[in-house]
Amino acid sequence: MLLELFRATLIAGLPVAAASYGLVWWSLRQGYIGSVNSLKEMERGFKRRSKERSAAKKDQKRSRKAGEKTKARSLGLTLASVRQQAQQPGPSVLNTFHGKWLAFGGGFYGVVGMLTYGVVELRELRDFFLGFESFYELFANFGINMLVGILVDAVTNFVAAIAWPVYWLSDIRSDHIWIWFIIASTRRKNQY
């Protein structure tokens, strides 16, 4: 059981802790959640940011449904000015990792989902390139079928990352699976 504890710490605990620390550190450094002085303020900032992201997606969906021309007419603007406003990024545009983290729900579930997505994608890439004997064979087989296969694999990998408990339960062979979940989900004060 001691060996299992060591394995869980090395394989699950350290990556989750490092990813959590990195995401929170980068969020604070980039000002994604504003200035915070306590853990409660930080949690409120992340919740606010998540709500803002959801509201922006809903507004974007509504504006697409209404159409750019209708929006321009109602505001008395030209179509070109509406497009120009839509293309200007806000002051705190999320980077790829933070966007993925929030796409997976944020918090612990989001961190593990994002890490699972990375592990699954890296394994897929490794298997993809190892499936060809040379670069010539890779380029010779390149076509629409390969692109469709890559797209299907990307969607499948996203689903596997969302359902990360099922993925890891099938990947980890252990009689003490509860140790893995405790180690991965343990909050550390120095993590924030």
C-alpha atoms as a PDB file:
ATOM      1  CA  MET A   1       0.000   0.000   0.000  1.00  0.00           C
ATOM      2  CA  LEU A   2       2.937   2.352   0.607  1.00  0.00           C
ATOM      3  CA  LEU A   3       4.151   1.735  -2.940  1.00  0.00           C
ATOM      4  CA  GLU A   4       0.642   2.551  -4.204  1.00  0.00           C
ATOM      5  CA  LEU A   5       0.674   5.801  -2.229  1.00  0.00           C
ATOM      6  CA  PHE A   6       4.013   6.750  -3.796  1.00  0.00           C
ATOM      7  CA  ARG A   7       2.769   5.870  -7.316  1.00  0.00           C
ATOM      8  CA  ALA A   8      -0.447   7.879  -6.824  1.00  0.00           C
ATOM      9  CA  THR A   9       1.490  10.885  -5.562  1.00  0.00           C
ATOM     10  CA  LEU A  10       3.914  10.753  -8.466  1.00  0.00           C
ATOM     11  CA  ILE A  11       1.396  10.050 -11.259  1.00  0.00           C
ATOM     12  CA  ALA A  12      -1.730  11.877 -10.022  1.00  0.00           C
ATOM     13  CA  GLY A  13      -0.930  14.189  -7.111  1.00  0.00           C
ATOM     14  CA  LEU A  14       2.056  16.086  -8.468  1.00  0.00           C
ATOM     15  CA  PRO A  15       0.646  16.754 -11.975  1.00  0.00           C
ATOM     16  CA  VAL A  16      -2.706  17.949 -10.584  1.00  0.00           C
ATOM     17  CA  ALA A  17      -0.972  20.155  -8.002  1.00  0.00           C
ATOM     18  CA  ALA A  18       1.451  21.594 -10.576  1.00  0.00           C
ATOM     19  CA  ALA A  19      -1.307  22.261 -13.120  1.00  0.00           C
ATOM     20  CA  SER A  20      -3.530  23.877 -10.459  1.00  0.00           C
ATOM     21  CA  TYR A  21      -0.705  26.043  -9.220  1.00  0.00           C
ATOM     22  CA  GLY A  22       0.267  27.041 -12.765  1.00  0.00           C
ATOM     23  CA  LEU A  23      -3.279  27.920 -13.817  1.00  0.00           C
ATOM     24  CA  VAL A  24      -3.961  29.985 -10.704  1.00  0.00           C
ATOM     25  CA  TRP A  25      -0.557  31.688 -10.817  1.00  0.00           C
ATOM     26  CA  TRP A  26      -0.974  32.600 -14.468  1.00  0.00           C
ATOM     27  CA  SER A  27      -4.538  33.848 -13.843  1.00  0.00           C
ATOM     28  CA  LEU A  28      -3.308  36.136 -11.088  1.00  0.00           C
ATOM     29  CA  ARG A  29      -0.338  37.306 -13.107  1.00  0.00           C
ATOM     30  CA  GLN A  30      -2.424  38.135 -16.193  1.00  0.00           C
ATOM     31  CA  GLY A  31      -5.175  39.790 -14.168  1.00  0.00           C
ATOM     32  CA  TYR A  32      -7.904  37.423 -15.398  1.00  0.00           C
ATOM     33  CA  ILE A  33      -9.648  37.584 -12.031  1.00  0.00           C
ATOM     34  CA  GLY A  34      -8.470  40.992 -10.884  1.00  0.00           C
ATOM     35  CA  SER A  35      -6.585  41.805  -7.720  1.00  0.00           C
ATOM     36  CA  VAL A  36      -7.201  39.377  -4.868  1.00  0.00           C
ATOM     37  CA  ASN A  37      -6.076  39.356  -1.246  1.00  0.00           C
ATOM     38  CA  SER A  38      -7.584  36.109  -0.021  1.00  0.00           C
ATOM     39  CA  LEU A  39      -8.609  32.656  -1.138  1.00  0.00           C
ATOM     40  CA  LYS A  40     -12.321  33.617  -0.958  1.00  0.00           C
ATOM     41  CA  GLU A  41     -11.761  36.611  -3.268  1.00  0.00           C
ATOM     42  CA  MET A  42      -9.933  34.360  -5.695  1.00  0.00           C
ATOM     43  CA  GLU A  43     -12.764  31.810  -5.716  1.00  0.00           C
ATOM     44  CA  ARG A  44     -15.287  34.631  -6.301  1.00  0.00           C
ATOM     45  CA  GLY A  45     -13.116  35.924  -9.134  1.00  0.00           C
ATOM     46  CA  PHE A  46     -13.056  32.533 -10.853  1.00  0.00           C
ATOM     47  CA  LYS A  47     -16.831  32.144 -10.450  1.00  0.00           C
ATOM     48  CA  ARG A  48     -17.358  35.634 -11.864  1.00  0.00           C
ATOM     49  CA  ARG A  49     -15.039  34.880 -14.764  1.00  0.00           C
ATOM     50  CA  SER A  50     -16.892  31.645 -15.504  1.00  0.00           C
ATOM     51  CA  LYS A  51     -20.257  33.439 -15.457  1.00  0.00           C
ATOM     52  CA  GLU A  52     -18.901  36.163 -17.748  1.00  0.00           C
ATOM     53  CA  ARG A  53     -17.686  33.505 -20.169  1.00  0.00           C
ATOM     54  CA  SER A  54     -21.099  31.809 -20.201  1.00  0.00           C
ATOM     55  CA  ALA A  55     -22.897  35.124 -20.717  1.00  0.00           C
ATOM     56  CA  ALA A  56     -20.540  36.056 -23.571  1.00  0.00           C
ATOM     57  CA  LYS A  57     -21.226  32.731 -25.286  1.00  0.00           C
ATOM     58  CA  LYS A  58     -24.986  33.266 -24.948  1.00  0.00           C
ATOM     59  CA  ASP A  59     -24.715  36.817 -26.322  1.00  0.00           C
ATOM     60  CA  GLN A  60     -22.602  35.561 -29.215  1.00  0.00           C
ATOM     61  CA  LYS A  61     -25.158  32.879 -30.004  1.00  0.00           C
ATOM     62  CA  ARG A  62     -28.038  35.406 -29.875  1.00  0.00           C
ATOM     63  CA  SER A  63     -26.225  37.847 -32.135  1.00  0.00           C
ATOM     64  CA  ARG A  64     -25.483  35.089 -34.654  1.00  0.00           C
ATOM     65  CA  LYS A  65     -29.151  34.144 -34.703  1.00  0.00           C
ATOM     66  CA  ALA A  66     -30.265  37.744 -35.120  1.00  0.00           C
ATOM     67  CA  GLY A  67     -27.697  38.311 -37.833  1.00  0.00           C
ATOM     68  CA  GLU A  68     -25.201  41.094 -38.292  1.00  0.00           C
ATOM     69  CA  LYS A  69     -27.482  43.144 -40.552  1.00  0.00           C
ATOM     70  CA  THR A  70     -30.302  43.280 -38.010  1.00  0.00           C
ATOM     71  CA  LYS A  71     -27.876  44.271 -35.269  1.00  0.00           C
ATOM     72  CA  ALA A  72     -26.334  46.989 -37.433  1.00  0.00           C
ATOM     73  CA  ARG A  73     -29.727  48.441 -38.359  1.00  0.00           C
ATOM     74  CA  SER A  74     -30.966  48.464 -34.761  1.00  0.00           C
ATOM     75  CA  LEU A  75     -27.856  50.291 -33.577  1.00  0.00           C
ATOM     76  CA  GLY A  76     -27.708  52.602 -36.576  1.00  0.00           C
ATOM     77  CA  LEU A  77     -24.252  51.344 -37.474  1.00  0.00           C
ATOM     78  CA  THR A  78     -22.714  50.142 -40.696  1.00  0.00           C
ATOM     79  CA  LEU A  79     -22.037  46.436 -41.167  1.00  0.00           C
ATOM     80  CA  ALA A  80     -18.282  47.116 -41.307  1.00  0.00           C
ATOM     81  CA  SER A  81     -18.282  48.841 -37.894  1.00  0.00           C
ATOM     82  CA  VAL A  82     -20.164  45.919 -36.288  1.00  0.00           C
ATOM     83  CA  ARG A  83     -17.604  43.468 -37.662  1.00  0.00           C
ATOM     84  CA  GLN A  84     -14.735  45.653 -36.462  1.00  0.00           C
ATOM     85  CA  GLN A  85     -16.161  45.788 -32.915  1.00  0.00           C
ATOM     86  CA  ALA A  86     -16.641  42.003 -32.858  1.00  0.00           C
ATOM     87  CA  GLN A  87     -13.021  41.366 -33.837  1.00  0.00           C
ATOM     88  CA  GLN A  88     -11.489  43.509 -31.081  1.00  0.00           C
ATOM     89  CA  PRO A  89     -10.467  41.346 -28.115  1.00  0.00           C
ATOM     90  CA  GLY A  90     -11.428  42.310 -24.593  1.00  0.00           C
ATOM     91  CA  PRO A  91      -8.846  43.331 -22.026  1.00  0.00           C
ATOM     92  CA  SER A  92      -8.586  39.885 -20.486  1.00  0.00           C
ATOM     93  CA  VAL A  93      -8.822  37.325 -23.284  1.00  0.00           C
ATOM     94  CA  LEU A  94      -8.101  33.840 -21.936  1.00  0.00           C
ATOM     95  CA  ASN A  95      -5.193  31.831 -23.253  1.00  0.00           C
ATOM     96  CA  THR A  96      -5.654  28.297 -24.593  1.00  0.00           C
ATOM     97  CA  PHE A  97      -5.051  26.500 -21.291  1.00  0.00           C
ATOM     98  CA  HIS A  98      -7.433  28.667 -19.273  1.00  0.00           C
ATOM     99  CA  GLY A  99     -10.082  28.337 -21.964  1.00  0.00           C
ATOM    100  CA  LYS A 100      -9.737  24.550 -21.906  1.00  0.00           C
ATOM    101  CA  TRP A 101      -9.795  24.514 -18.105  1.00  0.00           C
ATOM    102  CA  LEU A 102     -13.055  26.465 -18.072  1.00  0.00           C
ATOM    103  CA  ALA A 103     -14.434  24.341 -20.938  1.00  0.00           C
ATOM    104  CA  PHE A 104     -13.985  21.306 -18.692  1.00  0.00           C
ATOM    105  CA  GLY A 105     -15.829  23.061 -15.851  1.00  0.00           C
ATOM    106  CA  GLY A 106     -12.990  24.765 -13.959  1.00  0.00           C
ATOM    107  CA  GLY A 107     -11.860  23.735 -10.488  1.00  0.00           C
ATOM    108  CA  PHE A 108     -10.600  20.232  -9.754  1.00  0.00           C
ATOM    109  CA  TYR A 109     -12.803  18.586 -12.390  1.00  0.00           C
ATOM    110  CA  GLY A 110     -11.531  21.037 -15.015  1.00  0.00           C
ATOM    111  CA  VAL A 111      -7.879  20.539 -14.099  1.00  0.00           C
ATOM    112  CA  VAL A 112      -8.123  16.755 -14.258  1.00  0.00           C
ATOM    113  CA  GLY A 113     -10.192  16.961 -17.459  1.00  0.00           C
ATOM    114  CA  MET A 114      -7.580  19.205 -19.068  1.00  0.00           C
ATOM    115  CA  LEU A 115      -4.726  16.934 -17.955  1.00  0.00           C
ATOM    116  CA  THR A 116      -6.615  13.878 -19.205  1.00  0.00           C
ATOM    117  CA  TYR A 117      -7.181  15.586 -22.554  1.00  0.00           C
ATOM    118  CA  GLY A 118      -3.451  16.305 -22.786  1.00  0.00           C
ATOM    119  CA  VAL A 119      -2.495  12.720 -21.922  1.00  0.00           C
ATOM    120  CA  VAL A 120      -4.988  11.248 -24.394  1.00  0.00           C
ATOM    121  CA  GLU A 121      -3.937  13.641 -27.180  1.00  0.00           C
ATOM    122  CA  LEU A 122      -0.222  12.976 -26.627  1.00  0.00           C
ATOM    123  CA  ARG A 123      -0.831   9.211 -26.718  1.00  0.00           C
ATOM    124  CA  GLU A 124      -2.856   9.629 -29.929  1.00  0.00           C
ATOM    125  CA  LEU A 125      -0.073  11.699 -31.523  1.00  0.00           C
ATOM    126  CA  ARG A 126       2.550   9.156 -30.520  1.00  0.00           C
ATOM    127  CA  ASP A 127       0.496   6.276 -31.922  1.00  0.00           C
ATOM    128  CA  PHE A 128      -0.309   8.247 -35.076  1.00  0.00           C
ATOM    129  CA  PHE A 129       3.334   8.929 -35.923  1.00  0.00           C
ATOM    130  CA  LEU A 130       4.506   5.464 -34.896  1.00  0.00           C
ATOM    131  CA  GLY A 131       1.940   4.016 -37.312  1.00  0.00           C
ATOM    132  CA  PHE A 132       4.055   5.184 -40.260  1.00  0.00           C
ATOM    133  CA  GLU A 133       7.446   3.778 -41.149  1.00  0.00           C
ATOM    134  CA  SER A 134       8.679   7.020 -42.730  1.00  0.00           C
ATOM    135  CA  PHE A 135       7.694  10.585 -43.516  1.00  0.00           C
ATOM    136  CA  TYR A 136       7.178   9.522 -47.120  1.00  0.00           C
ATOM    137  CA  GLU A 137       4.521   7.021 -46.051  1.00  0.00           C
ATOM    138  CA  LEU A 138       2.857   9.707 -43.913  1.00  0.00           C
ATOM    139  CA  PHE A 139       2.651  12.143 -46.838  1.00  0.00           C
ATOM    140  CA  ALA A 140       1.627   9.402 -49.266  1.00  0.00           C
ATOM    141  CA  ASN A 141      -1.356   8.463 -47.068  1.00  0.00           C
ATOM    142  CA  PHE A 142      -2.375  12.075 -46.430  1.00  0.00           C
ATOM    143  CA  GLY A 143      -5.891  12.773 -47.648  1.00  0.00           C
ATOM    144  CA  ILE A 144      -9.483  13.447 -46.722  1.00  0.00           C
ATOM    145  CA  ASN A 145      -9.856  10.083 -44.965  1.00  0.00           C
ATOM    146  CA  MET A 146      -6.905  10.908 -42.708  1.00  0.00           C
ATOM    147  CA  LEU A 147      -8.297  14.376 -41.901  1.00  0.00           C
ATOM    148  CA  VAL A 148     -11.730  12.929 -41.087  1.00  0.00           C
ATOM    149  CA  GLY A 149     -10.061  10.314 -38.864  1.00  0.00           C
ATOM    150  CA  ILE A 150      -8.098  13.004 -37.017  1.00  0.00           C
ATOM    151  CA  LEU A 151     -11.285  15.023 -36.470  1.00  0.00           C
ATOM    152  CA  VAL A 152     -13.182  11.985 -35.155  1.00  0.00           C
ATOM    153  CA  ASP A 153     -10.269  11.164 -32.844  1.00  0.00           C
ATOM    154  CA  ALA A 154     -10.237  14.746 -31.509  1.00  0.00           C
ATOM    155  CA  VAL A 155     -13.945  14.563 -30.630  1.00  0.00           C
ATOM    156  CA  THR A 156     -13.475  11.120 -29.071  1.00  0.00           C
ATOM    157  CA  ASN A 157     -10.542  12.423 -27.011  1.00  0.00           C
ATOM    158  CA  PHE A 158     -12.627  15.373 -25.784  1.00  0.00           C
ATOM    159  CA  VAL A 159     -15.389  12.995 -24.667  1.00  0.00           C
ATOM    160  CA  ALA A 160     -12.808  10.802 -22.904  1.00  0.00           C
ATOM    161  CA  ALA A 161     -11.465  13.889 -21.109  1.00  0.00           C
ATOM    162  CA  ILE A 162     -14.942  14.946 -19.974  1.00  0.00           C
ATOM    163  CA  ALA A 163     -15.527  11.445 -18.629  1.00  0.00           C
ATOM    164  CA  TRP A 164     -12.102  11.358 -16.988  1.00  0.00           C
ATOM    165  CA  PRO A 165     -13.123   9.169 -14.011  1.00  0.00           C
ATOM    166  CA  VAL A 166     -14.043   6.341 -16.391  1.00  0.00           C
ATOM    167  CA  TYR A 167     -10.838   6.842 -18.385  1.00  0.00           C
ATOM    168  CA  TRP A 168      -8.561   6.727 -15.342  1.00  0.00           C
ATOM    169  CA  LEU A 169     -10.420   3.872 -13.655  1.00  0.00           C
ATOM    170  CA  SER A 170      -9.808   1.745 -16.736  1.00  0.00           C
ATOM    171  CA  ASP A 171      -6.172   2.906 -17.007  1.00  0.00           C
ATOM    172  CA  ILE A 172      -5.108   2.498 -13.363  1.00  0.00           C
ATOM    173  CA  ARG A 173      -4.771  -1.078 -12.182  1.00  0.00           C
ATOM    174  CA  SER A 174      -5.019  -1.012  -8.414  1.00  0.00           C
ATOM    175  CA  ASP A 175      -6.832  -2.575  -5.505  1.00  0.00           C
ATOM    176  CA  HIS A 176      -6.641   0.769  -3.671  1.00  0.00           C
ATOM    177  CA  ILE A 177      -8.186   3.170  -6.216  1.00  0.00           C
ATOM    178  CA  TRP A 178      -9.448   5.360  -3.389  1.00  0.00           C
ATOM    179  CA  ILE A 179      -5.837   6.370  -2.659  1.00  0.00           C
ATOM    180  CA  TRP A 180      -5.548   7.820  -6.154  1.00  0.00           C
ATOM    181  CA  PHE A 181      -8.638   9.992  -5.745  1.00  0.00           C
ATOM    182  CA  ILE A 182      -7.599  11.236  -2.316  1.00  0.00           C
ATOM    183  CA  ILE A 183      -4.081  12.105  -3.473  1.00  0.00           C
ATOM    184  CA  ALA A 184      -5.310  13.879  -6.635  1.00  0.00           C
ATOM    185  CA  SER A 185      -8.032  15.870  -4.914  1.00  0.00           C
ATOM    186  CA  THR A 186      -6.186  16.906  -1.760  1.00  0.00           C
ATOM    187  CA  ARG A 187      -5.962  20.693  -1.591  1.00  0.00           C
ATOM    188  CA  ARG A 188      -2.655  22.104  -0.525  1.00  0.00           C
ATOM    189  CA  LYS A 189      -2.442  25.600   0.982  1.00  0.00           C
ATOM    190  CA  ASN A 190       0.686  26.399  -1.012  1.00  0.00           C
ATOM    191  CA  GLN A 191      -1.150  25.444  -4.190  1.00  0.00           C
ATOM    192  CA  TYR A 192      -2.729  28.907  -4.304  1.00  0.00           C
END
